[in-house]
PDB file of N, CA and C in Angstrom:
ATOM      1  N   MET A   1      10.893  18.085   9.349  1.00  0.00           N
ATOM      2  CA  MET A   1       9.430  18.373   9.179  1.00  0.00           C
ATOM      3  C   MET A   1       9.044  19.244  10.234  1.00  0.00           C
ATOM      4  N   LEU A   2       8.211  20.417   9.849  1.00  0.00           N
ATOM      5  CA  LEU A   2       7.912  21.224  10.536  1.00  0.00           C
ATOM      6  C   LEU A   2       6.447  21.406  10.715  1.00  0.00           C
ATOM      7  N   LEU A   3       5.962  21.123  11.944  1.00  0.00           N
ATOM      8  CA  LEU A   3       4.768  20.783  12.395  1.00  0.00           C
ATOM      9  C   LEU A   3       4.021  22.351  12.906  1.00  0.00           C
ATOM     10  N   LYS A   4       3.065  22.631  12.362  1.00  0.00           N
ATOM     11  CA  LYS A   4       2.313  23.713  12.938  1.00  0.00           C
ATOM     12  C   LYS A   4       1.104  23.281  14.114  1.00  0.00           C
ATOM     13  N   VAL A   5       1.519  23.247  15.267  1.00  0.00           N
ATOM     14  CA  VAL A   5       0.419  22.866  16.198  1.00  0.00           C
ATOM     15  C   VAL A   5      -1.024  23.463  16.039  1.00  0.00           C
ATOM     16  N   TYR A   6      -0.738  24.783  15.686  1.00  0.00           N
ATOM     17  CA  TYR A   6      -2.093  25.435  15.510  1.00  0.00           C
ATOM     18  C   TYR A   6      -3.031  25.087  14.399  1.00  0.00           C
ATOM     19  N   ASP A   7      -2.295  24.298  13.524  1.00  0.00           N
ATOM     20  CA  ASP A   7      -3.308  23.824  12.258  1.00  0.00           C
ATOM     21  C   ASP A   7      -4.046  22.625  12.564  1.00  0.00           C
ATOM     22  N   PHE A   8      -3.663  21.906  13.751  1.00  0.00           N
ATOM     23  CA  PHE A   8      -4.319  20.596  14.230  1.00  0.00           C
ATOM     24  C   PHE A   8      -5.801  21.172  14.667  1.00  0.00           C
ATOM     25  N   THR A   9      -6.910  20.168  14.433  1.00  0.00           N
ATOM     26  CA  THR A   9      -8.332  20.302  15.043  1.00  0.00           C
ATOM     27  C   THR A   9      -8.333  20.274  16.491  1.00  0.00           C
ATOM     28  N   GLU A  10      -9.353  20.487  16.630  1.00  0.00           N
ATOM     29  CA  GLU A  10      -9.499  20.430  18.633  1.00  0.00           C
ATOM     30  C   GLU A  10      -9.539  18.973  18.924  1.00  0.00           C
ATOM     31  N   PRO A  11     -10.132  18.008  18.041  1.00  0.00           N
ATOM     32  CA  PRO A  11     -10.054  16.612  18.515  1.00  0.00           C
ATOM     33  C   PRO A  11      -8.576  16.168  18.348  1.00  0.00           C
ATOM     34  N   GLU A  12      -7.908  16.682  17.541  1.00  0.00           N
ATOM     35  CA  GLU A  12      -6.753  15.922  17.165  1.00  0.00           C
ATOM     36  C   GLU A  12      -5.695  16.670  18.276  1.00  0.00           C
ATOM     37  N   LEU A  13      -5.738  17.916  18.835  1.00  0.00           N
ATOM     38  CA  LEU A  13      -5.149  18.423  19.992  1.00  0.00           C
ATOM     39  C   LEU A  13      -5.524  17.748  21.252  1.00  0.00           C
ATOM     40  N   ALA A  14      -6.715  17.419  21.499  1.00  0.00           N
ATOM     41  CA  ALA A  14      -7.176  16.560  22.388  1.00  0.00           C
ATOM     42  C   ALA A  14      -6.589  15.364  22.814  1.00  0.00           C
ATOM     43  N   TYR A  15      -6.293  14.652  21.347  1.00  0.00           N
ATOM     44  CA  TYR A  15      -5.697  13.216  21.279  1.00  0.00           C
ATOM     45  C   TYR A  15      -4.266  13.318  21.834  1.00  0.00           C
ATOM     46  N   TYR A  16      -3.518  14.375  21.449  1.00  0.00           N
ATOM     47  CA  TYR A  16      -2.160  14.409  21.617  1.00  0.00           C
ATOM     48  C   TYR A  16      -1.844  14.941  22.840  1.00  0.00           C
ATOM     49  N   SER A  17      -2.699  15.702  23.511  1.00  0.00           N
ATOM     50  CA  SER A  17      -2.914  15.895  24.700  1.00  0.00           C
ATOM     51  C   SER A  17      -2.825  14.811  25.749  1.00  0.00           C
ATOM     52  N   GLU A  18      -3.811  13.931  25.433  1.00  0.00           N
ATOM     53  CA  GLU A  18      -3.800  12.830  25.774  1.00  0.00           C
ATOM     54  C   GLU A  18      -3.017  11.788  25.994  1.00  0.00           C
ATOM     55  N   PHE A  19      -2.366  11.279  24.810  1.00  0.00           N
ATOM     56  CA  PHE A  19      -1.458  10.299  24.737  1.00  0.00           C
ATOM     57  C   PHE A  19       0.125  10.518  24.625  1.00  0.00           C
ATOM     58  N   ALA A  20       0.380  11.906  24.620  1.00  0.00           N
ATOM     59  CA  ALA A  20       1.759  12.286  24.212  1.00  0.00           C
ATOM     60  C   ALA A  20       2.745  12.107  25.468  1.00  0.00           C
ATOM     61  N   ASN A  21       2.390  12.005  26.451  1.00  0.00           N
ATOM     62  CA  ASN A  21       2.881  12.043  27.854  1.00  0.00           C
ATOM     63  C   ASN A  21       4.037  13.190  27.726  1.00  0.00           C
ATOM     64  N   PHE A  22       3.478  14.451  27.374  1.00  0.00           N
ATOM     65  CA  PHE A  22       4.378  15.568  27.623  1.00  0.00           C
ATOM     66  C   PHE A  22       4.899  15.727  28.930  1.00  0.00           C
ATOM     67  N   SER A  23       6.278  16.087  28.915  1.00  0.00           N
ATOM     68  CA  SER A  23       6.821  16.573  30.348  1.00  0.00           C
ATOM     69  C   SER A  23       6.016  17.863  30.588  1.00  0.00           C
ATOM     70  N   PRO A  24       6.192  18.500  31.759  1.00  0.00           N
ATOM     71  CA  PRO A  24       5.470  19.668  32.102  1.00  0.00           C
ATOM     72  C   PRO A  24       6.261  20.777  31.338  1.00  0.00           C
ATOM     73  N   GLN A  25       7.641  20.865  30.505  1.00  0.00           N
ATOM     74  CA  GLN A  25       7.756  21.828  29.751  1.00  0.00           C
ATOM     75  C   GLN A  25       7.277  21.973  28.506  1.00  0.00           C
ATOM     76  N   GLU A  26       7.192  20.550  28.078  1.00  0.00           N
ATOM     77  CA  GLU A  26       6.806  20.338  26.558  1.00  0.00           C
ATOM     78  C   GLU A  26       5.069  20.358  26.637  1.00  0.00           C
ATOM     79  N   ASP A  27       4.468  20.231  27.541  1.00  0.00           N
ATOM     80  CA  ASP A  27       2.979  20.629  27.593  1.00  0.00           C
ATOM     81  C   ASP A  27       2.972  22.089  27.734  1.00  0.00           C
ATOM     82  N   ILE A  28       3.505  22.694  28.338  1.00  0.00           N
ATOM     83  CA  ILE A  28       3.516  24.146  28.543  1.00  0.00           C
ATOM     84  C   ILE A  28       3.564  24.716  26.980  1.00  0.00           C
ATOM     85  N   LEU A  29       4.763  24.153  26.267  1.00  0.00           N
ATOM     86  CA  LEU A  29       5.149  24.748  24.933  1.00  0.00           C
ATOM     87  C   LEU A  29       3.958  24.404  23.924  1.00  0.00           C
ATOM     88  N   PHE A  30       3.517  23.097  24.144  1.00  0.00           N
ATOM     89  CA  PHE A  30       2.323  22.570  23.315  1.00  0.00           C
ATOM     90  C   PHE A  30       1.149  23.569  23.484  1.00  0.00           C
ATOM     91  N   ASN A  31       0.565  23.868  24.498  1.00  0.00           N
ATOM     92  CA  ASN A  31      -0.390  24.664  24.833  1.00  0.00           C
ATOM     93  C   ASN A  31      -0.188  26.217  24.276  1.00  0.00           C
ATOM     94  N   LEU A  32       1.193  26.612  24.503  1.00  0.00           N
ATOM     95  CA  LEU A  32       1.425  28.048  23.790  1.00  0.00           C
ATOM     96  C   LEU A  32       1.140  27.857  22.201  1.00  0.00           C
ATOM     97  N   ARG A  33       1.841  26.889  21.718  1.00  0.00           N
ATOM     98  CA  ARG A  33       1.805  26.770  20.322  1.00  0.00           C
ATOM     99  C   ARG A  33       0.759  26.657  19.645  1.00  0.00           C
ATOM    100  N   LYS A  34      -0.434  25.786  20.295  1.00  0.00           N
ATOM    101  CA  LYS A  34      -1.769  25.577  19.713  1.00  0.00           C
ATOM    102  C   LYS A  34      -2.353  27.001  19.821  1.00  0.00           C
ATOM    103  N   LYS A  35      -1.775  27.852  20.654  1.00  0.00           N
ATOM    104  CA  LYS A  35      -2.523  29.347  20.374  1.00  0.00           C
ATOM    105  C   LYS A  35      -1.829  30.047  19.546  1.00  0.00           C
ATOM    106  N   ASN A  36      -0.937  29.642  18.742  1.00  0.00           N
ATOM    107  CA  ASN A  36      -0.091  30.279  17.624  1.00  0.00           C
ATOM    108  C   ASN A  36       0.943  31.412  18.416  1.00  0.00           C
ATOM    109  N   VAL A  37       1.294  31.070  19.406  1.00  0.00           N
ATOM    110  CA  VAL A  37       2.358  32.071  20.082  1.00  0.00           C
ATOM    111  C   VAL A  37       3.884  31.533  19.595  1.00  0.00           C
ATOM    112  N   PRO A  38       4.512  32.534  18.974  1.00  0.00           N
ATOM    113  CA  PRO A  38       5.662  32.283  18.235  1.00  0.00           C
ATOM    114  C   PRO A  38       6.560  31.589  19.265  1.00  0.00           C
ATOM    115  N   LEU A  39       7.764  30.882  18.704  1.00  0.00           N
ATOM    116  CA  LEU A  39       8.845  30.206  19.459  1.00  0.00           C
ATOM    117  C   LEU A  39       9.396  31.348  20.179  1.00  0.00           C
ATOM    118  N   GLU A  40       9.988  32.639  19.845  1.00  0.00           N
ATOM    119  CA  GLU A  40      10.330  33.453  20.253  1.00  0.00           C
ATOM    120  C   GLU A  40       9.838  34.002  21.832  1.00  0.00           C
ATOM    121  N   LYS A  41       8.432  34.194  21.558  1.00  0.00           N
ATOM    122  CA  LYS A  41       7.608  34.452  22.774  1.00  0.00           C
ATOM    123  C   LYS A  41       7.652  33.593  23.691  1.00  0.00           C
ATOM    124  N   CYS A  42       7.471  32.157  23.143  1.00  0.00           N
ATOM    125  CA  CYS A  42       7.430  31.106  24.166  1.00  0.00           C
ATOM    126  C   CYS A  42       8.844  31.129  24.856  1.00  0.00           C
ATOM    127  N   ALA A  43       9.842  31.337  24.159  1.00  0.00           N
ATOM    128  CA  ALA A  43      11.054  31.347  25.368  1.00  0.00           C
ATOM    129  C   ALA A  43      10.939  32.421  26.382  1.00  0.00           C
ATOM    130  N   GLU A  44      10.457  33.654  26.134  1.00  0.00           N
ATOM    131  CA  GLU A  44      10.194  34.656  26.784  1.00  0.00           C
ATOM    132  C   GLU A  44       9.200  34.161  27.858  1.00  0.00           C
ATOM    133  N   ILE A  45       8.273  33.739  27.657  1.00  0.00           N
ATOM    134  CA  ILE A  45       7.250  33.286  28.640  1.00  0.00           C
ATOM    135  C   ILE A  45       7.734  32.261  29.608  1.00  0.00           C
ATOM    136  N   MET A  46       8.546  31.270  29.037  1.00  0.00           N
ATOM    137  CA  MET A  46       9.143  29.983  29.654  1.00  0.00           C
ATOM    138  C   MET A  46      10.345  30.481  30.283  1.00  0.00           C
ATOM    139  N   HIS A  47      10.893  31.483  30.234  1.00  0.00           N
ATOM    140  CA  HIS A  47      12.185  31.892  30.803  1.00  0.00           C
ATOM    141  C   HIS A  47      13.239  30.791  30.227  1.00  0.00           C
ATOM    142  N   CYS A  48      13.201  30.792  29.064  1.00  0.00           N
ATOM    143  CA  CYS A  48      14.280  29.788  28.678  1.00  0.00           C
ATOM    144  C   CYS A  48      14.964  30.669  27.483  1.00  0.00           C
ATOM    145  N   GLU A  49      16.135  29.964  27.149  1.00  0.00           N
ATOM    146  CA  GLU A  49      17.031  30.403  25.933  1.00  0.00           C
ATOM    147  C   GLU A  49      16.246  29.873  24.797  1.00  0.00           C
ATOM    148  N   MET A  50      16.138  30.574  23.639  1.00  0.00           N
ATOM    149  CA  MET A  50      15.717  29.942  22.591  1.00  0.00           C
ATOM    150  C   MET A  50      16.223  28.603  22.064  1.00  0.00           C
ATOM    151  N   THR A  51      17.277  28.078  22.021  1.00  0.00           N
ATOM    152  CA  THR A  51      17.769  27.224  21.923  1.00  0.00           C
ATOM    153  C   THR A  51      17.205  25.942  22.717  1.00  0.00           C
ATOM    154  N   THR A  52      16.847  26.414  23.909  1.00  0.00           N
ATOM    155  CA  THR A  52      15.966  25.273  24.824  1.00  0.00           C
ATOM    156  C   THR A  52      14.992  25.058  24.400  1.00  0.00           C
ATOM    157  N   VAL A  53      14.118  26.136  23.906  1.00  0.00           N
ATOM    158  CA  VAL A  53      12.761  25.943  23.213  1.00  0.00           C
ATOM    159  C   VAL A  53      12.886  25.102  22.013  1.00  0.00           C
ATOM    160  N   LYS A  54      13.973  25.637  21.167  1.00  0.00           N
ATOM    161  CA  LYS A  54      13.569  24.867  19.781  1.00  0.00           C
ATOM    162  C   LYS A  54      13.952  23.032  20.364  1.00  0.00           C
ATOM    163  N   LYS A  55      14.709  22.874  21.308  1.00  0.00           N
ATOM    164  CA  LYS A  55      14.875  21.334  21.609  1.00  0.00           C
ATOM    165  C   LYS A  55      13.612  20.588  22.243  1.00  0.00           C
ATOM    166  N   ILE A  56      12.925  21.676  22.952  1.00  0.00           N
ATOM    167  CA  ILE A  56      11.825  21.155  23.501  1.00  0.00           C
ATOM    168  C   ILE A  56      10.615  20.899  22.281  1.00  0.00           C
ATOM    169  N   SER A  57      10.722  22.196  21.549  1.00  0.00           N
ATOM    170  CA  SER A  57       9.772  21.813  20.189  1.00  0.00           C
ATOM    171  C   SER A  57      10.097  20.599  19.375  1.00  0.00           C
ATOM    172  N   ARG A  58      11.341  20.314  19.228  1.00  0.00           N
ATOM    173  CA  ARG A  58      11.881  19.074  18.613  1.00  0.00           C
ATOM    174  C   ARG A  58      11.239  17.733  19.195  1.00  0.00           C
ATOM    175  N   ARG A  59      11.235  17.671  20.774  1.00  0.00           N
ATOM    176  CA  ARG A  59      10.711  16.679  21.345  1.00  0.00           C
ATOM    177  C   ARG A  59       9.264  16.525  21.416  1.00  0.00           C
ATOM    178  N   VAL A  60       8.565  17.658  21.216  1.00  0.00           N
ATOM    179  CA  VAL A  60       7.098  17.586  20.885  1.00  0.00           C
ATOM    180  C   VAL A  60       6.462  17.225  19.473  1.00  0.00           C
ATOM    181  N   ASN A  61       7.435  17.624  18.548  1.00  0.00           N
ATOM    182  CA  ASN A  61       6.839  17.183  17.310  1.00  0.00           C
ATOM    183  C   ASN A  61       7.516  15.724  17.258  1.00  0.00           C
ATOM    184  N   LYS A  62       8.488  15.186  17.712  1.00  0.00           N
ATOM    185  CA  LYS A  62       8.643  13.709  17.695  1.00  0.00           C
ATOM    186  C   LYS A  62       7.364  13.031  18.212  1.00  0.00           C
ATOM    187  N   LYS A  63       7.122  13.388  19.327  1.00  0.00           N
ATOM    188  CA  LYS A  63       6.080  12.678  20.070  1.00  0.00           C
ATOM    189  C   LYS A  63       4.940  12.848  19.311  1.00  0.00           C
ATOM    190  N   ILE A  64       4.454  14.032  18.561  1.00  0.00           N
ATOM    191  CA  ILE A  64       3.284  13.923  17.801  1.00  0.00           C
ATOM    192  C   ILE A  64       3.446  13.021  16.426  1.00  0.00           C
ATOM    193  N   ILE A  65       4.688  13.024  15.892  1.00  0.00           N
ATOM    194  CA  ILE A  65       4.720  12.271  14.648  1.00  0.00           C
ATOM    195  C   ILE A  65       4.503  10.564  15.118  1.00  0.00           C
ATOM    196  N   GLN A  66       5.119  10.487  16.198  1.00  0.00           N
ATOM    197  CA  GLN A  66       5.021   8.869  16.791  1.00  0.00           C
ATOM    198  C   GLN A  66       3.796   8.672  16.869  1.00  0.00           C
ATOM    199  N   LEU A  67       2.822   9.386  17.660  1.00  0.00           N
ATOM    200  CA  LEU A  67       1.402   9.248  17.500  1.00  0.00           C
ATOM    201  C   LEU A  67       0.228   9.337  16.613  1.00  0.00           C
ATOM    202  N   THR A  68       1.016   9.950  15.286  1.00  0.00           N
ATOM    203  CA  THR A  68       0.006  10.035  14.208  1.00  0.00           C
ATOM    204  C   THR A  68      -0.167   8.809  13.710  1.00  0.00           C
ATOM    205  N   ASN A  69      -1.460   8.180  13.989  1.00  0.00           N
ATOM    206  CA  ASN A  69      -1.754   6.849  13.288  1.00  0.00           C
ATOM    207  C   ASN A  69      -3.301   7.243  12.893  1.00  0.00           C
ATOM    208  N   THR A  70      -3.724   7.617  12.120  1.00  0.00           N
ATOM    209  CA  THR A  70      -4.688   8.153  11.549  1.00  0.00           C
ATOM    210  C   THR A  70      -5.900   7.268  11.901  1.00  0.00           C
ATOM    211  N   LYS A  71      -5.893   5.632  12.071  1.00  0.00           N
ATOM    212  CA  LYS A  71      -6.981   4.719  12.163  1.00  0.00           C
ATOM    213  C   LYS A  71      -7.317   5.095  13.820  1.00  0.00           C
ATOM    214  N   ARG A  72      -6.165   4.909  14.521  1.00  0.00           N
ATOM    215  CA  ARG A  72      -6.320   4.748  16.030  1.00  0.00           C
ATOM    216  C   ARG A  72      -6.737   6.218  16.727  1.00  0.00           C
ATOM    217  N   MET A  73      -6.339   7.235  15.837  1.00  0.00           N
ATOM    218  CA  MET A  73      -6.764   8.646  16.109  1.00  0.00           C
ATOM    219  C   MET A  73      -8.129   8.854  15.802  1.00  0.00           C
ATOM    220  N   GLU A  74      -8.590   8.376  14.625  1.00  0.00           N
ATOM    221  CA  GLU A  74     -10.148   8.537  14.348  1.00  0.00           C
ATOM    222  C   GLU A  74     -10.766   7.688  15.299  1.00  0.00           C
ATOM    223  N   GLN A  75     -10.478   6.584  15.598  1.00  0.00           N
ATOM    224  CA  GLN A  75     -11.330   5.955  16.405  1.00  0.00           C
ATOM    225  C   GLN A  75     -11.285   6.389  17.882  1.00  0.00           C
ATOM    226  N   TRP A  76     -10.275   6.941  18.544  1.00  0.00           N
ATOM    227  CA  TRP A  76     -10.195   7.776  19.862  1.00  0.00           C
ATOM    228  C   TRP A  76     -11.075   8.927  19.660  1.00  0.00           C
ATOM    229  N   ILE A  77     -11.312   9.698  18.569  1.00  0.00           N
ATOM    230  CA  ILE A  77     -11.940  10.781  18.530  1.00  0.00           C
ATOM    231  C   ILE A  77     -13.319  10.534  18.314  1.00  0.00           C
ATOM    232  N   ASP A  78     -13.874   9.278  17.435  1.00  0.00           N
ATOM    233  CA  ASP A  78     -15.186   9.041  17.178  1.00  0.00           C
ATOM    234  C   ASP A  78     -15.776   8.474  18.463  1.00  0.00           C
ATOM    235  N   ASN A  79     -15.040   7.559  19.237  1.00  0.00           N
ATOM    236  CA  ASN A  79     -15.445   6.870  20.346  1.00  0.00           C
ATOM    237  C   ASN A  79     -15.516   7.241  21.920  1.00  0.00           C
ATOM    238  N   VAL A  80     -14.419   8.480  22.016  1.00  0.00           N
ATOM    239  CA  VAL A  80     -14.031   8.986  22.958  1.00  0.00           C
ATOM    240  C   VAL A  80     -14.346  10.486  23.048  1.00  0.00           C
ATOM    241  N   TYR A  81     -13.530  11.061  22.303  1.00  0.00           N
ATOM    242  CA  TYR A  81     -13.654  12.587  22.254  1.00  0.00           C
ATOM    243  C   TYR A  81     -15.322  13.293  21.867  1.00  0.00           C
ATOM    244  N   TRP A  82     -15.900  12.858  20.949  1.00  0.00           N
ATOM    245  CA  TRP A  82     -17.097  13.297  20.525  1.00  0.00           C
ATOM    246  C   TRP A  82     -18.136  12.994  21.550  1.00  0.00           C
ATOM    247  N   PRO A  83     -18.353  11.838  22.132  1.00  0.00           N
ATOM    248  CA  PRO A  83     -19.053  11.395  23.246  1.00  0.00           C
ATOM    249  C   PRO A  83     -19.045  12.250  24.403  1.00  0.00           C
ATOM    250  N   LYS A  84     -17.816  12.450  24.629  1.00  0.00           N
ATOM    251  CA  LYS A  84     -17.456  13.406  25.800  1.00  0.00           C
ATOM    252  C   LYS A  84     -17.868  15.030  25.797  1.00  0.00           C
ATOM    253  N   ILE A  85     -17.700  15.284  24.354  1.00  0.00           N
ATOM    254  CA  ILE A  85     -17.817  16.875  24.180  1.00  0.00           C
ATOM    255  C   ILE A  85     -19.487  16.721  24.042  1.00  0.00           C
ATOM    256  N   LEU A  86     -20.057  16.028  23.350  1.00  0.00           N
ATOM    257  CA  LEU A  86     -21.590  15.862  23.366  1.00  0.00           C
ATOM    258  C   LEU A  86     -22.360  15.901  24.450  1.00  0.00           C
ATOM    259  N   LYS A  87     -21.785  15.109  25.696  1.00  0.00           N
ATOM    260  CA  LYS A  87     -22.261  15.336  26.832  1.00  0.00           C
ATOM    261  C   LYS A  87     -22.730  16.507  27.753  1.00  0.00           C
ATOM    262  N   GLN A  88     -21.533  17.405  27.363  1.00  0.00           N
ATOM    263  CA  GLN A  88     -21.337  18.625  28.049  1.00  0.00           C
ATOM    264  C   GLN A  88     -22.352  19.520  27.818  1.00  0.00           C
TER     265      GLN A  88
END
């Protein structure tokens, strides 16, 4: 399954950032990909081989898939994300 991080909404991205427990490398890649940075460019920025970035990407995708429970996600977005954003 090919996930395009940049296709998620801001609340969904915030949910994944909050609950995915990304490693430092995974977090860097996640943040680059949500800006639509190609994997090749991510490899350059992260000073990694392309094969390493692809492995990290698979781990990020796996964590996102595990967290994708629409009811729980919707509850968090409605009860935590939006109230926090609206207070700003």
